[in-house]
Amino acid sequence: MPQSLSFNLTHIIFSTKDRRPFITPEYREDLYAYLAETARVCKCECYRVGGVEDHVHLAIRLARTISVSKLVEELKSTSSKWMKTKSPALREFSWQRGYGSFSLSPKDLDSLIAYIDKQEEHHRKKTFQDEYREFLKRYGIEWDERYVWD
């Protein structure tokens, strides 16, 4: 019987629209659990979700039947609708239009998880924009500052 097998590990990053600090400790763990479950519903393995008030990082093994863009669309659309039900203060919650997705080797999974786990400590010294620019540079991705923050 033929098989189609894959191991595509990706580090996905996206922020709230205008980097608004909606992801407060009150909602954070529930949002992370919701994002992880959404990934699982899409047949992806979610190893970790983390972040701070204005953005999230996800360590995900993509299912062989879904594209990154389709997965991110599902993550963002369902979680945005869900967040709006949590409180009247979140009725304007939304994610930025764009996202980053960076491929990693399976041997890098533990360091990616550690990086995600240390987001609060990391962002005491660095803004989301500076962090994101570093990823773009590291992966050799060209970008236009006028559009990267939408």
Protein backbone atom coordinates (compact mmCIF):
# COMPACT_ATOMS: atom_id res chain seq x y z
CA MET A 1 0.00 0.00 0.00
CA PRO A 2 1.47 3.42 -0.94
CA GLN A 3 2.08 5.93 1.83
CA SER A 4 2.56 9.66 1.89
CA LEU A 5 4.71 10.64 4.84
CA SER A 6 6.06 13.98 6.01
CA PHE A 7 7.58 15.85 8.91
CA ASN A 8 7.25 19.58 8.34
CA LEU A 9 8.04 21.51 11.50
CA THR A 10 7.12 25.18 11.34
CA HIS A 11 7.41 28.12 13.69
CA ILE A 12 4.37 30.33 13.12
CA ILE A 13 4.21 33.90 14.43
CA PHE A 14 1.42 36.46 14.22
CA SER A 15 0.36 39.48 16.22
CA THR A 16 -2.81 41.19 17.21
CA LYS A 17 -3.95 43.95 14.88
CA ASP A 18 -1.87 47.07 15.55
CA ARG A 19 -0.11 45.03 18.27
CA ARG A 20 -2.88 45.86 20.71
CA PRO A 21 -2.27 44.15 24.08
CA PHE A 22 -5.43 42.03 24.10
CA ILE A 23 -3.78 38.77 25.20
CA THR A 24 -3.76 39.51 28.90
CA PRO A 25 -2.96 36.86 31.52
CA GLU A 26 -6.69 36.53 32.16
CA TYR A 27 -7.24 35.09 28.64
CA ARG A 28 -3.79 33.84 27.68
CA GLU A 29 -3.86 30.18 28.72
CA ASP A 30 -7.35 29.63 27.32
CA LEU A 31 -6.35 31.22 24.02
CA TYR A 32 -3.22 29.07 23.79
CA ALA A 33 -5.28 25.94 24.48
CA TYR A 34 -7.83 27.03 21.87
CA LEU A 35 -5.11 27.57 19.23
CA ALA A 36 -3.52 24.20 20.03
CA GLU A 37 -6.86 22.43 19.74
CA THR A 38 -7.62 24.19 16.45
CA ALA A 39 -4.31 22.93 15.07
CA ARG A 40 -5.19 19.42 16.22
CA VAL A 41 -8.60 19.61 14.56
CA CYS A 42 -6.67 20.43 11.37
CA LYS A 43 -4.72 17.18 11.95
CA CYS A 44 -1.54 19.06 12.88
CA GLU A 45 0.54 18.35 15.95
CA CYS A 46 0.92 21.43 18.12
CA TYR A 47 3.95 21.15 20.37
CA ARG A 48 3.70 24.59 21.97
CA VAL A 49 1.82 27.89 21.91
CA GLY A 50 3.15 30.93 23.72
CA GLY A 51 3.69 34.63 23.48
CA VAL A 52 2.87 37.87 25.23
CA GLU A 53 0.12 40.50 25.17
CA ASP A 54 0.42 41.34 21.46
CA HIS A 55 1.50 38.19 19.61
CA VAL A 56 1.75 34.42 19.61
CA HIS A 57 4.29 31.80 18.57
CA LEU A 58 3.32 28.26 17.64
CA ALA A 59 5.52 25.19 17.16
CA ILE A 60 3.58 22.96 14.79
CA ARG A 61 4.14 19.83 12.76
CA LEU A 62 1.98 20.33 9.69
CA ALA A 63 -0.32 17.59 8.58
CA ARG A 64 0.58 16.42 5.11
CA THR A 65 -2.86 17.48 3.86
CA ILE A 66 -2.88 21.18 4.81
CA SER A 67 -0.90 24.20 3.71
CA VAL A 68 0.55 26.72 6.13
CA SER A 69 -1.71 29.44 4.76
CA LYS A 70 -4.86 27.33 5.27
CA LEU A 71 -3.80 26.39 8.80
CA VAL A 72 -3.06 30.01 9.75
CA GLU A 73 -6.36 31.13 8.25
CA GLU A 74 -8.18 28.57 10.41
CA LEU A 75 -6.17 29.45 13.54
CA LYS A 76 -6.77 33.17 13.19
CA SER A 77 -10.40 33.17 12.08
CA THR A 78 -11.71 30.73 14.67
CA SER A 79 -9.70 32.13 17.57
CA SER A 80 -10.68 35.71 16.74
CA LYS A 81 -14.36 34.80 16.84
CA TRP A 82 -13.83 32.85 20.06
CA MET A 83 -11.92 35.68 21.79
CA LYS A 84 -14.75 38.11 21.06
CA THR A 85 -17.11 35.90 23.06
CA LYS A 86 -14.94 36.03 26.18
CA SER A 87 -15.61 39.63 27.20
CA PRO A 88 -17.16 42.87 25.91
CA ALA A 89 -13.66 44.35 26.29
CA LEU A 90 -12.52 42.01 23.49
CA ARG A 91 -15.20 42.87 20.94
CA GLU A 92 -12.56 44.64 18.79
CA PHE A 93 -10.08 41.76 19.01
CA SER A 94 -8.51 40.75 15.73
CA TRP A 95 -5.24 39.43 14.40
CA GLN A 96 -2.94 41.20 11.97
CA ARG A 97 -3.52 40.20 8.35
CA GLY A 98 -0.06 38.74 7.83
CA TYR A 99 1.99 36.06 9.57
CA GLY A 100 5.43 34.51 9.56
CA SER A 101 6.16 30.83 9.07
CA PHE A 102 9.68 29.51 9.39
CA SER A 103 10.79 25.93 8.66
CA LEU A 104 12.94 24.13 11.17
CA SER A 105 14.66 20.79 11.40
CA PRO A 106 13.13 18.25 13.79
CA LYS A 107 16.37 18.45 15.81
CA ASP A 108 15.52 22.12 16.54
CA LEU A 109 12.18 21.35 18.20
CA ASP A 110 13.45 21.45 21.78
CA SER A 111 15.15 24.82 21.29
CA LEU A 112 12.02 26.21 19.62
CA ILE A 113 9.87 25.08 22.55
CA ALA A 114 12.34 26.66 24.99
CA TYR A 115 12.28 29.89 22.98
CA ILE A 116 8.47 30.00 23.04
CA ASP A 117 8.41 29.23 26.77
CA LYS A 118 10.67 32.23 27.49
CA GLN A 119 8.63 34.84 25.61
CA GLU A 120 7.77 36.97 28.64
CA GLU A 121 11.41 37.14 29.70
CA HIS A 122 12.55 37.76 26.12
CA HIS A 123 10.13 40.65 25.59
CA ARG A 124 11.27 42.56 28.63
CA LYS A 125 14.21 43.54 26.41
CA LYS A 126 12.90 43.38 22.86
CA THR A 127 9.76 44.51 21.03
CA PHE A 128 7.73 42.24 18.79
CA GLN A 129 8.81 44.25 15.75
CA ASP A 130 12.52 43.86 16.58
CA GLU A 131 12.09 40.15 17.22
CA TYR A 132 10.19 39.66 13.96
CA ARG A 133 12.77 41.60 11.94
CA GLU A 134 15.47 39.31 13.35
CA PHE A 135 13.58 36.24 12.13
CA LEU A 136 13.15 37.76 8.68
CA LYS A 137 16.87 38.54 8.50
CA ARG A 138 17.86 35.10 9.82
CA TYR A 139 15.82 33.38 7.10
CA GLY A 140 16.87 35.77 4.33
CA ILE A 141 13.37 37.11 3.74
CA GLU A 142 12.99 40.52 2.14
CA TRP A 143 10.13 42.67 3.41
CA ASP A 144 8.60 46.08 3.05
CA GLU A 145 8.16 47.92 6.37
CA ARG A 146 5.04 49.59 5.00
CA TYR A 147 3.19 46.28 4.78
CA VAL A 148 4.77 43.81 7.17
CA TRP A 149 2.80 45.06 10.18
CA ASP A 150 -0.73 44.84 8.67
